[in-house]
PDB file of N, CA and C in Angstrom:
ATOM      1  N   MET A   1       0.626  -1.522  -0.063  1.00  0.00           N
ATOM      2  CA  MET A   1      -0.077   0.064  -0.084  1.00  0.00           C
ATOM      3  C   MET A   1       0.890   1.641  -0.097  1.00  0.00           C
ATOM      4  N   SER A   2       1.671   1.440   0.615  1.00  0.00           N
ATOM      5  CA  SER A   2       2.754   2.282   1.111  1.00  0.00           C
ATOM      6  C   SER A   2       3.583   2.813  -0.643  1.00  0.00           C
ATOM      7  N   ARG A   3       4.005   1.406  -1.384  1.00  0.00           N
ATOM      8  CA  ARG A   3       4.429   1.539  -2.618  1.00  0.00           C
ATOM      9  C   ARG A   3       3.421   2.769  -3.476  1.00  0.00           C
ATOM     10  N   VAL A   4       2.255   2.068  -3.419  1.00  0.00           N
ATOM     11  CA  VAL A   4       1.507   2.950  -3.898  1.00  0.00           C
ATOM     12  C   VAL A   4       1.347   3.655  -4.101  1.00  0.00           C
ATOM     13  N   VAL A   5       1.070   4.096  -2.640  1.00  0.00           N
ATOM     14  CA  VAL A   5       1.246   6.313  -2.033  1.00  0.00           C
ATOM     15  C   VAL A   5       2.323   6.898  -2.643  1.00  0.00           C
ATOM     16  N   MET A   6       3.557   6.416  -2.490  1.00  0.00           N
ATOM     17  CA  MET A   6       4.516   6.892  -2.676  1.00  0.00           C
ATOM     18  C   MET A   6       4.611   7.430  -4.529  1.00  0.00           C
ATOM     19  N   LEU A   7       4.379   5.932  -5.187  1.00  0.00           N
ATOM     20  CA  LEU A   7       4.251   6.365  -6.720  1.00  0.00           C
ATOM     21  C   LEU A   7       2.887   7.453  -6.904  1.00  0.00           C
ATOM     22  N   VAL A   8       2.010   7.750  -6.313  1.00  0.00           N
ATOM     23  CA  VAL A   8       1.172   8.671  -6.373  1.00  0.00           C
ATOM     24  C   VAL A   8       1.706  10.027  -6.285  1.00  0.00           C
ATOM     25  N   ILE A   9       2.283   9.904  -5.368  1.00  0.00           N
ATOM     26  CA  ILE A   9       2.780  11.505  -4.427  1.00  0.00           C
ATOM     27  C   ILE A   9       4.384  11.509  -5.658  1.00  0.00           C
ATOM     28  N   GLY A  10       4.925  10.419  -6.244  1.00  0.00           N
ATOM     29  CA  GLY A  10       6.124  10.693  -6.917  1.00  0.00           C
ATOM     30  C   GLY A  10       5.409  11.297  -7.690  1.00  0.00           C
ATOM     31  N   THR A  11       4.183  10.863  -8.866  1.00  0.00           N
ATOM     32  CA  THR A  11       3.748  11.312  -9.782  1.00  0.00           C
ATOM     33  C   THR A  11       2.986  12.290  -9.885  1.00  0.00           C
ATOM     34  N   LEU A  12       2.895  12.834  -9.170  1.00  0.00           N
ATOM     35  CA  LEU A  12       1.742  14.533  -8.904  1.00  0.00           C
ATOM     36  C   LEU A  12       3.289  15.199  -8.652  1.00  0.00           C
ATOM     37  N   LEU A  13       4.489  14.990  -8.012  1.00  0.00           N
ATOM     38  CA  LEU A  13       5.129  16.087  -7.780  1.00  0.00           C
ATOM     39  C   LEU A  13       5.737  16.205  -9.069  1.00  0.00           C
ATOM     40  N   GLY A  14       6.454  15.196 -10.291  1.00  0.00           N
ATOM     41  CA  GLY A  14       6.564  14.994 -11.227  1.00  0.00           C
ATOM     42  C   GLY A  14       5.958  15.714 -11.779  1.00  0.00           C
ATOM     43  N   ALA A  15       4.626  15.977 -12.489  1.00  0.00           N
ATOM     44  CA  ALA A  15       3.692  16.417 -12.628  1.00  0.00           C
ATOM     45  C   ALA A  15       3.971  18.005 -12.640  1.00  0.00           C
ATOM     46  N   PHE A  16       3.684  18.722 -11.042  1.00  0.00           N
ATOM     47  CA  PHE A  16       4.207  19.948 -10.435  1.00  0.00           C
ATOM     48  C   PHE A  16       5.380  20.361 -10.841  1.00  0.00           C
ATOM     49  N   VAL A  17       6.562  19.592 -11.026  1.00  0.00           N
ATOM     50  CA  VAL A  17       7.682  20.225 -11.720  1.00  0.00           C
ATOM     51  C   VAL A  17       8.010  20.107 -13.056  1.00  0.00           C
ATOM     52  N   LEU A  18       7.286  19.351 -13.844  1.00  0.00           N
ATOM     53  CA  LEU A  18       7.337  19.851 -15.444  1.00  0.00           C
ATOM     54  C   LEU A  18       6.196  21.000 -15.907  1.00  0.00           C
ATOM     55  N   PHE A  19       5.155  20.714 -14.595  1.00  0.00           N
ATOM     56  CA  PHE A  19       4.219  22.407 -15.255  1.00  0.00           C
ATOM     57  C   PHE A  19       4.422  23.690 -14.716  1.00  0.00           C
ATOM     58  N   ASN A  20       5.222  23.324 -13.522  1.00  0.00           N
ATOM     59  CA  ASN A  20       5.826  24.562 -13.343  1.00  0.00           C
ATOM     60  C   ASN A  20       7.088  25.490 -13.374  1.00  0.00           C
ATOM     61  N   PHE A  21       7.963  24.134 -13.938  1.00  0.00           N
ATOM     62  CA  PHE A  21       9.544  24.540 -13.722  1.00  0.00           C
ATOM     63  C   PHE A  21       9.893  24.969 -15.199  1.00  0.00           C
ATOM     64  N   VAL A  22       9.436  23.134 -15.802  1.00  0.00           N
ATOM     65  CA  VAL A  22      10.618  22.988 -17.041  1.00  0.00           C
ATOM     66  C   VAL A  22       9.569  23.632 -18.230  1.00  0.00           C
ATOM     67  N   LEU A  23       8.691  23.734 -18.138  1.00  0.00           N
ATOM     68  CA  LEU A  23       7.633  23.749 -19.769  1.00  0.00           C
ATOM     69  C   LEU A  23       8.137  26.188 -19.794  1.00  0.00           C
ATOM     70  N   PRO A  24       7.589  26.126 -19.300  1.00  0.00           N
ATOM     71  CA  PRO A  24       8.373  27.563 -19.122  1.00  0.00           C
ATOM     72  C   PRO A  24       9.352  28.381 -19.092  1.00  0.00           C
ATOM     73  N   MET A  25      10.238  27.051 -18.455  1.00  0.00           N
ATOM     74  CA  MET A  25      11.439  27.436 -19.336  1.00  0.00           C
ATOM     75  C   MET A  25      12.198  27.209 -20.350  1.00  0.00           C
ATOM     76  N   LEU A  26      11.587  26.529 -21.186  1.00  0.00           N
ATOM     77  CA  LEU A  26      11.322  26.006 -22.669  1.00  0.00           C
ATOM     78  C   LEU A  26      10.590  27.155 -23.053  1.00  0.00           C
ATOM     79  N   GLY A  27       9.760  27.252 -22.751  1.00  0.00           N
ATOM     80  CA  GLY A  27       9.036  28.752 -23.334  1.00  0.00           C
ATOM     81  C   GLY A  27      10.015  29.967 -23.594  1.00  0.00           C
ATOM     82  N   VAL A  28      10.768  30.217 -21.834  1.00  0.00           N
ATOM     83  CA  VAL A  28      11.222  31.498 -22.234  1.00  0.00           C
ATOM     84  C   VAL A  28      12.807  30.992 -23.166  1.00  0.00           C
ATOM     85  N   LEU A  29      13.467  29.690 -22.800  1.00  0.00           N
ATOM     86  CA  LEU A  29      14.456  29.578 -24.584  1.00  0.00           C
ATOM     87  C   LEU A  29      14.292  29.749 -25.877  1.00  0.00           C
ATOM     88  N   LEU A  30      12.777  29.370 -25.615  1.00  0.00           N
ATOM     89  CA  LEU A  30      12.508  29.752 -26.970  1.00  0.00           C
ATOM     90  C   LEU A  30      12.595  31.172 -27.391  1.00  0.00           C
ATOM     91  N   LYS A  31      11.796  32.067 -26.894  1.00  0.00           N
ATOM     92  CA  LYS A  31      11.741  32.904 -27.124  1.00  0.00           C
ATOM     93  C   LYS A  31      12.824  33.921 -27.208  1.00  0.00           C
ATOM     94  N   VAL A  32      13.997  33.369 -26.214  1.00  0.00           N
ATOM     95  CA  VAL A  32      15.242  33.486 -26.141  1.00  0.00           C
ATOM     96  C   VAL A  32      15.617  33.305 -27.696  1.00  0.00           C
ATOM     97  N   ALA A  33      15.980  32.065 -27.821  1.00  0.00           N
ATOM     98  CA  ALA A  33      16.306  31.870 -29.303  1.00  0.00           C
ATOM     99  C   ALA A  33      15.287  32.471 -30.794  1.00  0.00           C
ATOM    100  N   LEU A  34      14.347  33.597 -30.514  1.00  0.00           N
ATOM    101  CA  LEU A  34      13.492  33.089 -31.528  1.00  0.00           C
ATOM    102  C   LEU A  34      13.968  35.041 -31.934  1.00  0.00           C
ATOM    103  N   ILE A  35      14.542  35.420 -30.317  1.00  0.00           N
ATOM    104  CA  ILE A  35      14.882  36.586 -30.515  1.00  0.00           C
ATOM    105  C   ILE A  35      16.245  36.645 -31.245  1.00  0.00           C
ATOM    106  N   ILE A  36      17.057  36.514 -31.159  1.00  0.00           N
ATOM    107  CA  ILE A  36      18.328  36.320 -31.035  1.00  0.00           C
ATOM    108  C   ILE A  36      19.008  36.026 -32.420  1.00  0.00           C
ATOM    109  N   GLY A  37      17.430  34.710 -33.205  1.00  0.00           N
ATOM    110  CA  GLY A  37      17.229  35.072 -34.484  1.00  0.00           C
ATOM    111  C   GLY A  37      16.804  35.957 -35.437  1.00  0.00           C
ATOM    112  N   ALA A  38      15.709  36.321 -34.643  1.00  0.00           N
ATOM    113  CA  ALA A  38      15.961  37.745 -35.487  1.00  0.00           C
ATOM    114  C   ALA A  38      17.183  38.746 -35.675  1.00  0.00           C
ATOM    115  N   ILE A  39      17.453  39.196 -35.108  1.00  0.00           N
ATOM    116  CA  ILE A  39      18.220  39.517 -35.236  1.00  0.00           C
ATOM    117  C   ILE A  39      19.415  39.117 -36.000  1.00  0.00           C
ATOM    118  N   GLY A  40      20.301  38.188 -35.497  1.00  0.00           N
ATOM    119  CA  GLY A  40      21.515  37.076 -36.924  1.00  0.00           C
ATOM    120  C   GLY A  40      20.315  37.967 -38.517  1.00  0.00           C
ATOM    121  N   LEU A  41      19.013  37.659 -38.789  1.00  0.00           N
ATOM    122  CA  LEU A  41      18.417  38.186 -39.763  1.00  0.00           C
ATOM    123  C   LEU A  41      18.954  39.192 -39.963  1.00  0.00           C
ATOM    124  N   VAL A  42      18.361  40.537 -39.530  1.00  0.00           N
ATOM    125  CA  VAL A  42      18.009  41.771 -39.460  1.00  0.00           C
ATOM    126  C   VAL A  42      19.917  41.883 -39.780  1.00  0.00           C
ATOM    127  N   LEU A  43      20.940  41.855 -38.936  1.00  0.00           N
ATOM    128  CA  LEU A  43      22.070  42.135 -39.543  1.00  0.00           C
ATOM    129  C   LEU A  43      22.866  41.543 -40.530  1.00  0.00           C
ATOM    130  N   PHE A  44      22.414  40.236 -40.662  1.00  0.00           N
ATOM    131  CA  PHE A  44      22.568  39.171 -42.422  1.00  0.00           C
ATOM    132  C   PHE A  44      22.281  40.056 -43.433  1.00  0.00           C
ATOM    133  N   ILE A  45      21.209  40.604 -43.553  1.00  0.00           N
ATOM    134  CA  ILE A  45      20.611  41.352 -44.200  1.00  0.00           C
ATOM    135  C   ILE A  45      21.159  43.057 -44.621  1.00  0.00           C
ATOM    136  N   ALA A  46      21.593  43.798 -43.549  1.00  0.00           N
ATOM    137  CA  ALA A  46      22.297  45.007 -43.149  1.00  0.00           C
ATOM    138  C   ALA A  46      23.611  44.602 -43.904  1.00  0.00           C
ATOM    139  N   VAL A  47      24.265  43.814 -43.854  1.00  0.00           N
ATOM    140  CA  VAL A  47      25.575  43.019 -44.360  1.00  0.00           C
ATOM    141  C   VAL A  47      25.481  43.582 -46.015  1.00  0.00           C
ATOM    142  N   ASN A  48      24.720  42.396 -46.066  1.00  0.00           N
ATOM    143  CA  ASN A  48      24.393  42.024 -47.729  1.00  0.00           C
ATOM    144  C   ASN A  48      23.891  43.108 -48.459  1.00  0.00           C
ATOM    145  N   VAL A  49      23.362  44.330 -48.073  1.00  0.00           N
ATOM    146  CA  VAL A  49      22.646  45.123 -48.837  1.00  0.00           C
ATOM    147  C   VAL A  49      23.909  46.490 -48.356  1.00  0.00           C
ATOM    148  N   ILE A  50      24.924  46.382 -47.461  1.00  0.00           N
ATOM    149  CA  ILE A  50      25.588  47.180 -47.705  1.00  0.00           C
ATOM    150  C   ILE A  50      27.046  46.817 -48.425  1.00  0.00           C
ATOM    151  N   GLY A  51      27.089  45.616 -48.311  1.00  0.00           N
ATOM    152  CA  GLY A  51      28.091  44.688 -49.249  1.00  0.00           C
ATOM    153  C   GLY A  51      27.746  44.967 -50.911  1.00  0.00           C
ATOM    154  N   LYS A  52      26.413  44.681 -50.839  1.00  0.00           N
ATOM    155  CA  LYS A  52      26.473  45.093 -52.424  1.00  0.00           C
ATOM    156  C   LYS A  52      26.404  45.619 -52.790  1.00  0.00           C
ATOM    157  N   SER A  53      26.164  47.270 -52.039  1.00  0.00           N
ATOM    158  CA  SER A  53      26.331  48.266 -52.573  1.00  0.00           C
ATOM    159  C   SER A  53      27.369  49.273 -52.668  1.00  0.00           C
ATOM    160  N   SER A  54      28.323  48.420 -51.653  1.00  0.00           N
ATOM    161  CA  SER A  54      29.962  49.066 -51.519  1.00  0.00           C
ATOM    162  C   SER A  54      30.662  48.678 -53.015  1.00  0.00           C
ATOM    163  N   SER A  55      30.130  47.203 -53.038  1.00  0.00           N
ATOM    164  CA  SER A  55      30.623  46.471 -54.017  1.00  0.00           C
ATOM    165  C   SER A  55      30.575  47.102 -55.613  1.00  0.00           C
ATOM    166  N   SER A  56      29.243  48.007 -55.865  1.00  0.00           N
ATOM    167  CA  SER A  56      28.758  48.022 -57.017  1.00  0.00           C
ATOM    168  C   SER A  56      29.462  49.680 -57.462  1.00  0.00           C
ATOM    169  N   ARG A  57      30.288  50.278 -56.661  1.00  0.00           N
ATOM    170  CA  ARG A  57      30.701  51.964 -56.708  1.00  0.00           C
ATOM    171  C   ARG A  57      31.892  51.216 -57.793  1.00  0.00           C
TER     172      ARG A  57
END
């Protein structure tokens, strides 16, 4: 009986940790990755535009 109780408590604690710590952390990491990717894309486009305009002179 105590094994079943400990299994239920462990499952509930695991779900608590998953939904309160791991998933929000993954959401924040995804937002940071998207922001870094957007900044990288803007820099890539800027360097290409500046490079093409200076090489055509």
